[in-house]
Structure formats: structure tokens, C-alpha cells
PDB file of N, CA and C in Angstrom:
ATOM      1  N   MET A   1     -31.121 -44.437  -2.112  1.00  0.00           N
ATOM      2  CA  MET A   1     -32.344 -43.909  -2.682  1.00  0.00           C
ATOM      3  C   MET A   1     -32.136 -42.445  -3.054  1.00  0.00           C
ATOM      4  N   LEU A   2     -32.382 -42.103  -4.306  1.00  0.00           N
ATOM      5  CA  LEU A   2     -32.273 -40.728  -4.769  1.00  0.00           C
ATOM      6  C   LEU A   2     -33.643 -40.073  -4.737  1.00  0.00           C
ATOM      7  N   LEU A   3     -33.671 -38.867  -4.266  1.00  0.00           N
ATOM      8  CA  LEU A   3     -34.922 -38.121  -4.218  1.00  0.00           C
ATOM      9  C   LEU A   3     -34.929 -37.088  -5.331  1.00  0.00           C
ATOM     10  N   GLU A   4     -36.049 -36.937  -5.964  1.00  0.00           N
ATOM     11  CA  GLU A   4     -36.202 -35.950  -7.027  1.00  0.00           C
ATOM     12  C   GLU A   4     -37.301 -34.989  -6.644  1.00  0.00           C
ATOM     13  N   PRO A   5     -37.171 -33.735  -6.884  1.00  0.00           N
ATOM     14  CA  PRO A   5     -35.975 -33.051  -7.370  1.00  0.00           C
ATOM     15  C   PRO A   5     -34.920 -32.937  -6.273  1.00  0.00           C
ATOM     16  N   SER A   6     -33.678 -32.783  -6.689  1.00  0.00           N
ATOM     17  CA  SER A   6     -32.587 -32.754  -5.714  1.00  0.00           C
ATOM     18  C   SER A   6     -32.563 -31.424  -4.957  1.00  0.00           C
ATOM     19  N   LEU A   7     -32.068 -31.475  -3.743  1.00  0.00           N
ATOM     20  CA  LEU A   7     -31.976 -30.277  -2.913  1.00  0.00           C
ATOM     21  C   LEU A   7     -31.076 -29.236  -3.568  1.00  0.00           C
ATOM     22  N   ASP A   8     -30.017 -29.672  -4.221  1.00  0.00           N
ATOM     23  CA  ASP A   8     -29.114 -28.728  -4.887  1.00  0.00           C
ATOM     24  C   ASP A   8     -29.838 -27.924  -5.961  1.00  0.00           C
ATOM     25  N   ARG A   9     -30.654 -28.593  -6.770  1.00  0.00           N
ATOM     26  CA  ARG A   9     -31.394 -27.877  -7.821  1.00  0.00           C
ATOM     27  C   ARG A   9     -32.454 -26.963  -7.220  1.00  0.00           C
ATOM     28  N   LEU A  10     -33.083 -27.402  -6.137  1.00  0.00           N
ATOM     29  CA  LEU A  10     -34.081 -26.555  -5.483  1.00  0.00           C
ATOM     30  C   LEU A  10     -33.435 -25.318  -4.868  1.00  0.00           C
ATOM     31  N   MET A  11     -32.257 -25.493  -4.265  1.00  0.00           N
ATOM     32  CA  MET A  11     -31.565 -24.365  -3.633  1.00  0.00           C
ATOM     33  C   MET A  11     -31.028 -23.377  -4.671  1.00  0.00           C
ATOM     34  N   ASP A  12     -30.910 -23.796  -5.932  1.00  0.00           N
ATOM     35  CA  ASP A  12     -30.569 -22.854  -7.000  1.00  0.00           C
ATOM     36  C   ASP A  12     -31.718 -21.879  -7.237  1.00  0.00           C
ATOM     37  N   ARG A  13     -32.931 -22.309  -6.933  1.00  0.00           N
ATOM     38  CA  ARG A  13     -34.132 -21.482  -7.145  1.00  0.00           C
ATOM     39  C   ARG A  13     -34.493 -20.640  -5.920  1.00  0.00           C
ATOM     40  N   ILE A  14     -34.362 -21.217  -4.732  1.00  0.00           N
ATOM     41  CA  ILE A  14     -34.746 -20.568  -3.478  1.00  0.00           C
ATOM     42  C   ILE A  14     -33.509 -20.516  -2.597  1.00  0.00           C
ATOM     43  N   ASP A  15     -33.172 -19.335  -2.093  1.00  0.00           N
ATOM     44  CA  ASP A  15     -31.890 -19.161  -1.396  1.00  0.00           C
ATOM     45  C   ASP A  15     -31.875 -19.633   0.053  1.00  0.00           C
ATOM     46  N   SER A  16     -32.992 -19.976   0.614  1.00  0.00           N
ATOM     47  CA  SER A  16     -33.066 -20.362   2.020  1.00  0.00           C
ATOM     48  C   SER A  16     -33.834 -21.674   2.160  1.00  0.00           C
ATOM     49  N   GLN A  17     -33.292 -22.606   2.934  1.00  0.00           N
ATOM     50  CA  GLN A  17     -33.998 -23.864   3.162  1.00  0.00           C
ATOM     51  C   GLN A  17     -35.330 -23.620   3.861  1.00  0.00           C
ATOM     52  N   TYR A  18     -35.357 -22.656   4.779  1.00  0.00           N
ATOM     53  CA  TYR A  18     -36.597 -22.321   5.477  1.00  0.00           C
ATOM     54  C   TYR A  18     -37.643 -21.834   4.470  1.00  0.00           C
ATOM     55  N   SER A  19     -37.248 -20.929   3.591  1.00  0.00           N
ATOM     56  CA  SER A  19     -38.175 -20.414   2.578  1.00  0.00           C
ATOM     57  C   SER A  19     -38.649 -21.521   1.654  1.00  0.00           C
ATOM     58  N   LEU A  20     -37.756 -22.422   1.311  1.00  0.00           N
ATOM     59  CA  LEU A  20     -38.109 -23.548   0.455  1.00  0.00           C
ATOM     60  C   LEU A  20     -39.173 -24.419   1.116  1.00  0.00           C
ATOM     61  N   VAL A  21     -38.979 -24.743   2.377  1.00  0.00           N
ATOM     62  CA  VAL A  21     -39.940 -25.578   3.106  1.00  0.00           C
ATOM     63  C   VAL A  21     -41.286 -24.871   3.224  1.00  0.00           C
ATOM     64  N   MET A  22     -41.266 -23.592   3.556  1.00  0.00           N
ATOM     65  CA  MET A  22     -42.520 -22.844   3.716  1.00  0.00           C
ATOM     66  C   MET A  22     -43.279 -22.741   2.393  1.00  0.00           C
ATOM     67  N   LEU A  23     -42.565 -22.423   1.309  1.00  0.00           N
ATOM     68  CA  LEU A  23     -43.206 -22.304   0.002  1.00  0.00           C
ATOM     69  C   LEU A  23     -43.792 -23.645  -0.436  1.00  0.00           C
ATOM     70  N   ALA A  24     -43.037 -24.712  -0.289  1.00  0.00           N
ATOM     71  CA  ALA A  24     -43.517 -26.035  -0.692  1.00  0.00           C
ATOM     72  C   ALA A  24     -44.725 -26.461   0.144  1.00  0.00           C
ATOM     73  N   ALA A  25     -44.690 -26.203   1.434  1.00  0.00           N
ATOM     74  CA  ALA A  25     -45.807 -26.581   2.306  1.00  0.00           C
ATOM     75  C   ALA A  25     -47.069 -25.803   1.958  1.00  0.00           C
ATOM     76  N   LYS A  26     -46.937 -24.499   1.745  1.00  0.00           N
ATOM     77  CA  LYS A  26     -48.116 -23.690   1.393  1.00  0.00           C
ATOM     78  C   LYS A  26     -48.710 -24.133   0.062  1.00  0.00           C
ATOM     79  N   ARG A  27     -47.841 -24.411  -0.906  1.00  0.00           N
ATOM     80  CA  ARG A  27     -48.328 -24.847  -2.216  1.00  0.00           C
ATOM     81  C   ARG A  27     -48.985 -26.223  -2.117  1.00  0.00           C
ATOM     82  N   ALA A  28     -48.421 -27.113  -1.329  1.00  0.00           N
ATOM     83  CA  ALA A  28     -49.013 -28.441  -1.153  1.00  0.00           C
ATOM     84  C   ALA A  28     -50.404 -28.325  -0.533  1.00  0.00           C
ATOM     85  N   HIS A  29     -50.574 -27.413   0.415  1.00  0.00           N
ATOM     86  CA  HIS A  29     -51.901 -27.192   1.014  1.00  0.00           C
ATOM     87  C   HIS A  29     -52.873 -26.655  -0.027  1.00  0.00           C
ATOM     88  N   GLN A  30     -52.420 -25.743  -0.889  1.00  0.00           N
ATOM     89  CA  GLN A  30     -53.281 -25.241  -1.962  1.00  0.00           C
ATOM     90  C   GLN A  30     -53.722 -26.380  -2.868  1.00  0.00           C
ATOM     91  N   LEU A  31     -52.787 -27.246  -3.215  1.00  0.00           N
ATOM     92  CA  LEU A  31     -53.123 -28.377  -4.077  1.00  0.00           C
ATOM     93  C   LEU A  31     -54.064 -29.350  -3.377  1.00  0.00           C
ATOM     94  N   ASP A  32     -53.903 -29.531  -2.074  1.00  0.00           N
ATOM     95  CA  ASP A  32     -54.817 -30.390  -1.306  1.00  0.00           C
ATOM     96  C   ASP A  32     -56.240 -29.851  -1.369  1.00  0.00           C
ATOM     97  N   GLU A  33     -56.382 -28.544  -1.218  1.00  0.00           N
ATOM     98  CA  GLU A  33     -57.703 -27.918  -1.194  1.00  0.00           C
ATOM     99  C   GLU A  33     -58.357 -27.916  -2.569  1.00  0.00           C
ATOM    100  N   ALA A  34     -57.564 -27.884  -3.615  1.00  0.00           N
ATOM    101  CA  ALA A  34     -58.094 -27.813  -4.976  1.00  0.00           C
ATOM    102  C   ALA A  34     -57.771 -29.089  -5.742  1.00  0.00           C
ATOM    103  N   GLU A  35     -57.930 -30.226  -5.104  1.00  0.00           N
ATOM    104  CA  GLU A  35     -57.521 -31.520  -5.670  1.00  0.00           C
ATOM    105  C   GLU A  35     -58.139 -31.780  -7.041  1.00  0.00           C
ATOM    106  N   ASP A  36     -59.370 -31.374  -7.249  1.00  0.00           N
ATOM    107  CA  ASP A  36     -60.050 -31.675  -8.507  1.00  0.00           C
ATOM    108  C   ASP A  36     -59.948 -30.560  -9.539  1.00  0.00           C
ATOM    109  N   LEU A  37     -59.323 -29.453  -9.205  1.00  0.00           N
ATOM    110  CA  LEU A  37     -59.265 -28.322 -10.125  1.00  0.00           C
ATOM    111  C   LEU A  37     -58.014 -28.391 -10.993  1.00  0.00           C
ATOM    112  N   ALA A  38     -58.194 -28.676 -12.261  1.00  0.00           N
ATOM    113  CA  ALA A  38     -57.062 -28.792 -13.182  1.00  0.00           C
ATOM    114  C   ALA A  38     -56.381 -27.447 -13.408  1.00  0.00           C
ATOM    115  N   ASP A  39     -57.106 -26.338 -13.248  1.00  0.00           N
ATOM    116  CA  ASP A  39     -56.506 -25.023 -13.496  1.00  0.00           C
ATOM    117  C   ASP A  39     -55.529 -24.615 -12.401  1.00  0.00           C
ATOM    118  N   GLU A  40     -55.482 -25.337 -11.288  1.00  0.00           N
ATOM    119  CA  GLU A  40     -54.512 -25.060 -10.227  1.00  0.00           C
ATOM    120  C   GLU A  40     -53.138 -25.623 -10.563  1.00  0.00           C
ATOM    121  N   ARG A  41     -53.074 -26.492 -11.544  1.00  0.00           N
ATOM    122  CA  ARG A  41     -51.811 -27.133 -11.903  1.00  0.00           C
ATOM    123  C   ARG A  41     -50.934 -26.158 -12.679  1.00  0.00           C
ATOM    124  N   LEU A  42     -49.654 -26.089 -12.307  1.00  0.00           N
ATOM    125  CA  LEU A  42     -48.703 -25.239 -13.006  1.00  0.00           C
ATOM    126  C   LEU A  42     -47.914 -26.005 -14.059  1.00  0.00           C
ATOM    127  N   LEU A  43     -47.880 -27.317 -13.945  1.00  0.00           N
ATOM    128  CA  LEU A  43     -47.147 -28.153 -14.893  1.00  0.00           C
ATOM    129  C   LEU A  43     -48.118 -29.068 -15.631  1.00  0.00           C
ATOM    130  N   ASP A  44     -47.756 -29.455 -16.848  1.00  0.00           N
ATOM    131  CA  ASP A  44     -48.595 -30.375 -17.614  1.00  0.00           C
ATOM    132  C   ASP A  44     -48.516 -31.800 -17.080  1.00  0.00           C
ATOM    133  N   HIS A  45     -47.344 -32.158 -16.555  1.00  0.00           N
ATOM    134  CA  HIS A  45     -47.133 -33.527 -16.077  1.00  0.00           C
ATOM    135  C   HIS A  45     -46.287 -33.498 -14.808  1.00  0.00           C
ATOM    136  N   TYR A  46     -46.674 -34.288 -13.840  1.00  0.00           N
ATOM    137  CA  TYR A  46     -45.926 -34.412 -12.586  1.00  0.00           C
ATOM    138  C   TYR A  46     -45.389 -35.833 -12.451  1.00  0.00           C
ATOM    139  N   LYS A  47     -44.168 -35.964 -11.949  1.00  0.00           N
ATOM    140  CA  LYS A  47     -43.603 -37.281 -11.650  1.00  0.00           C
ATOM    141  C   LYS A  47     -44.165 -37.805 -10.335  1.00  0.00           C
ATOM    142  N   SER A  48     -44.379 -36.907  -9.399  1.00  0.00           N
ATOM    143  CA  SER A  48     -44.833 -37.275  -8.063  1.00  0.00           C
ATOM    144  C   SER A  48     -46.351 -37.399  -8.013  1.00  0.00           C
ATOM    145  N   GLU A  49     -46.814 -38.312  -7.193  1.00  0.00           N
ATOM    146  CA  GLU A  49     -48.250 -38.443  -6.961  1.00  0.00           C
ATOM    147  C   GLU A  49     -48.696 -37.602  -5.774  1.00  0.00           C
ATOM    148  N   ARG A  50     -47.773 -37.320  -4.848  1.00  0.00           N
ATOM    149  CA  ARG A  50     -48.110 -36.558  -3.642  1.00  0.00           C
ATOM    150  C   ARG A  50     -47.980 -35.062  -3.916  1.00  0.00           C
ATOM    151  N   ASN A  51     -48.815 -34.276  -3.251  1.00  0.00           N
ATOM    152  CA  ASN A  51     -48.835 -32.838  -3.491  1.00  0.00           C
ATOM    153  C   ASN A  51     -47.552 -32.139  -3.065  1.00  0.00           C
ATOM    154  N   ILE A  52     -46.876 -32.619  -2.034  1.00  0.00           N
ATOM    155  CA  ILE A  52     -45.622 -31.990  -1.636  1.00  0.00           C
ATOM    156  C   ILE A  52     -44.573 -32.189  -2.729  1.00  0.00           C
ATOM    157  N   GLY A  53     -44.571 -33.352  -3.341  1.00  0.00           N
ATOM    158  CA  GLY A  53     -43.661 -33.613  -4.454  1.00  0.00           C
ATOM    159  C   GLY A  53     -43.989 -32.752  -5.661  1.00  0.00           C
ATOM    160  N   LYS A  54     -45.286 -32.566  -5.917  1.00  0.00           N
ATOM    161  CA  LYS A  54     -45.711 -31.702  -7.024  1.00  0.00           C
ATOM    162  C   LYS A  54     -45.257 -30.269  -6.779  1.00  0.00           C
ATOM    163  N   ALA A  55     -45.387 -29.802  -5.544  1.00  0.00           N
ATOM    164  CA  ALA A  55     -44.946 -28.443  -5.204  1.00  0.00           C
ATOM    165  C   ALA A  55     -43.447 -28.290  -5.432  1.00  0.00           C
ATOM    166  N   LEU A  56     -42.670 -29.283  -5.033  1.00  0.00           N
ATOM    167  CA  LEU A  56     -41.218 -29.226  -5.240  1.00  0.00           C
ATOM    168  C   LEU A  56     -40.869 -29.251  -6.723  1.00  0.00           C
ATOM    169  N   GLU A  57     -41.611 -29.999  -7.517  1.00  0.00           N
ATOM    170  CA  GLU A  57     -41.388 -30.013  -8.965  1.00  0.00           C
ATOM    171  C   GLU A  57     -41.685 -28.637  -9.568  1.00  0.00           C
ATOM    172  N   GLU A  58     -42.737 -27.973  -9.085  1.00  0.00           N
ATOM    173  CA  GLU A  58     -43.069 -26.634  -9.577  1.00  0.00           C
ATOM    174  C   GLU A  58     -41.974 -25.632  -9.227  1.00  0.00           C
ATOM    175  N   ILE A  59     -41.403 -25.767  -8.037  1.00  0.00           N
ATOM    176  CA  ILE A  59     -40.303 -24.885  -7.630  1.00  0.00           C
ATOM    177  C   ILE A  59     -39.092 -25.139  -8.515  1.00  0.00           C
ATOM    178  N   GLU A  60     -38.759 -26.397  -8.724  1.00  0.00           N
ATOM    179  CA  GLU A  60     -37.596 -26.740  -9.544  1.00  0.00           C
ATOM    180  C   GLU A  60     -37.737 -26.208 -10.969  1.00  0.00           C
ATOM    181  N   SER A  61     -38.940 -26.266 -11.521  1.00  0.00           N
ATOM    182  CA  SER A  61     -39.160 -25.819 -12.898  1.00  0.00           C
ATOM    183  C   SER A  61     -39.127 -24.298 -13.028  1.00  0.00           C
ATOM    184  N   GLY A  62     -39.251 -23.597 -11.903  1.00  0.00           N
ATOM    185  CA  GLY A  62     -39.274 -22.139 -11.943  1.00  0.00           C
ATOM    186  C   GLY A  62     -40.666 -21.561 -12.088  1.00  0.00           C
ATOM    187  N   ASP A  63     -41.681 -22.423 -12.138  1.00  0.00           N
ATOM    188  CA  ASP A  63     -43.061 -21.954 -12.263  1.00  0.00           C
ATOM    189  C   ASP A  63     -43.643 -21.455 -10.947  1.00  0.00           C
ATOM    190  N   LEU A  64     -43.044 -21.854  -9.843  1.00  0.00           N
ATOM    191  CA  LEU A  64     -43.491 -21.423  -8.521  1.00  0.00           C
ATOM    192  C   LEU A  64     -42.340 -20.695  -7.851  1.00  0.00           C
ATOM    193  N   VAL A  65     -42.552 -19.408  -7.567  1.00  0.00           N
ATOM    194  CA  VAL A  65     -41.507 -18.581  -6.960  1.00  0.00           C
ATOM    195  C   VAL A  65     -42.093 -17.817  -5.777  1.00  0.00           C
ATOM    196  N   ILE A  66     -41.212 -17.276  -4.957  1.00  0.00           N
ATOM    197  CA  ILE A  66     -41.635 -16.457  -3.827  1.00  0.00           C
ATOM    198  C   ILE A  66     -41.889 -15.043  -4.317  1.00  0.00           C
ATOM    199  N   ASP A  67     -43.028 -14.482  -3.952  1.00  0.00           N
ATOM    200  CA  ASP A  67     -43.349 -13.093  -4.278  1.00  0.00           C
ATOM    201  C   ASP A  67     -42.722 -12.212  -3.210  1.00  0.00           C
ATOM    202  N   SER A  68     -41.578 -11.631  -3.535  1.00  0.00           N
ATOM    203  CA  SER A  68     -40.831 -10.856  -2.537  1.00  0.00           C
ATOM    204  C   SER A  68     -41.579  -9.608  -2.080  1.00  0.00           C
ATOM    205  N   SER A  69     -42.545  -9.134  -2.861  1.00  0.00           N
ATOM    206  CA  SER A  69     -43.307  -7.957  -2.447  1.00  0.00           C
ATOM    207  C   SER A  69     -44.240  -8.272  -1.279  1.00  0.00           C
ATOM    208  N   LYS A  70     -44.520  -9.551  -1.052  1.00  0.00           N
ATOM    209  CA  LYS A  70     -45.405  -9.944   0.045  1.00  0.00           C
ATOM    210  C   LYS A  70     -44.650 -10.402   1.285  1.00  0.00           C
ATOM    211  N   LEU A  71     -43.323 -10.358   1.219  1.00  0.00           N
ATOM    212  CA  LEU A  71     -42.538 -10.758   2.381  1.00  0.00           C
ATOM    213  C   LEU A  71     -42.659  -9.726   3.484  1.00  0.00           C
ATOM    214  N   LYS A  72     -42.666 -10.195   4.705  1.00  0.00           N
ATOM    215  CA  LYS A  72     -42.789  -9.320   5.864  1.00  0.00           C
ATOM    216  C   LYS A  72     -41.588  -8.382   5.950  1.00  0.00           C
ATOM    217  N   GLY A  73     -41.837  -7.137   6.233  1.00  0.00           N
ATOM    218  CA  GLY A  73     -40.769  -6.163   6.413  1.00  0.00           C
ATOM    219  C   GLY A  73     -40.407  -5.406   5.154  1.00  0.00           C
ATOM    220  N   GLU A  74     -41.076  -5.679   4.042  1.00  0.00           N
ATOM    221  CA  GLU A  74     -40.780  -4.946   2.812  1.00  0.00           C
ATOM    222  C   GLU A  74     -41.981  -4.171   2.351  1.00  0.00           C
TER     223      GLU A  74
END
């Protein structure tokens, strides 16, 4: 079974697996809370039906990135 998007492509966008998991989880929660709001969508079309998959697709596309200015310690 192949999973999309692949971990290799996601790791090209985010340098840490921990950061990738945290970003995807936070975005999935945002999508859960705004389920009916079309303006929360970053992509026109999603392959995944689940919000965690949608978050990973947004990361892979480059539309969802970590704001380094909000990272702790900077």
C-alpha cells in the first residue's frame, strides 16, 4: 500500500519529522473546527477526504509552511 503524499516529498518541505507531525496535526485541527468554511481551504482540490490527509497535501504543495518567526526561542 502506497501512501500519498510520500514521506520523502514531505521531508523536502519540512526538515524535521517532529515539526512535520506538529504542523499537520495543528492544521488538521483547524480544518476540523472550520469544516464548513470554504475560505479555510488552501487547495482547490484534495485527494484525501480526511483532514490530516488534506493538511499533508497542503504541506507537500508548499501552501502550508512553518512560520519560523513564531518558533520558540527566536
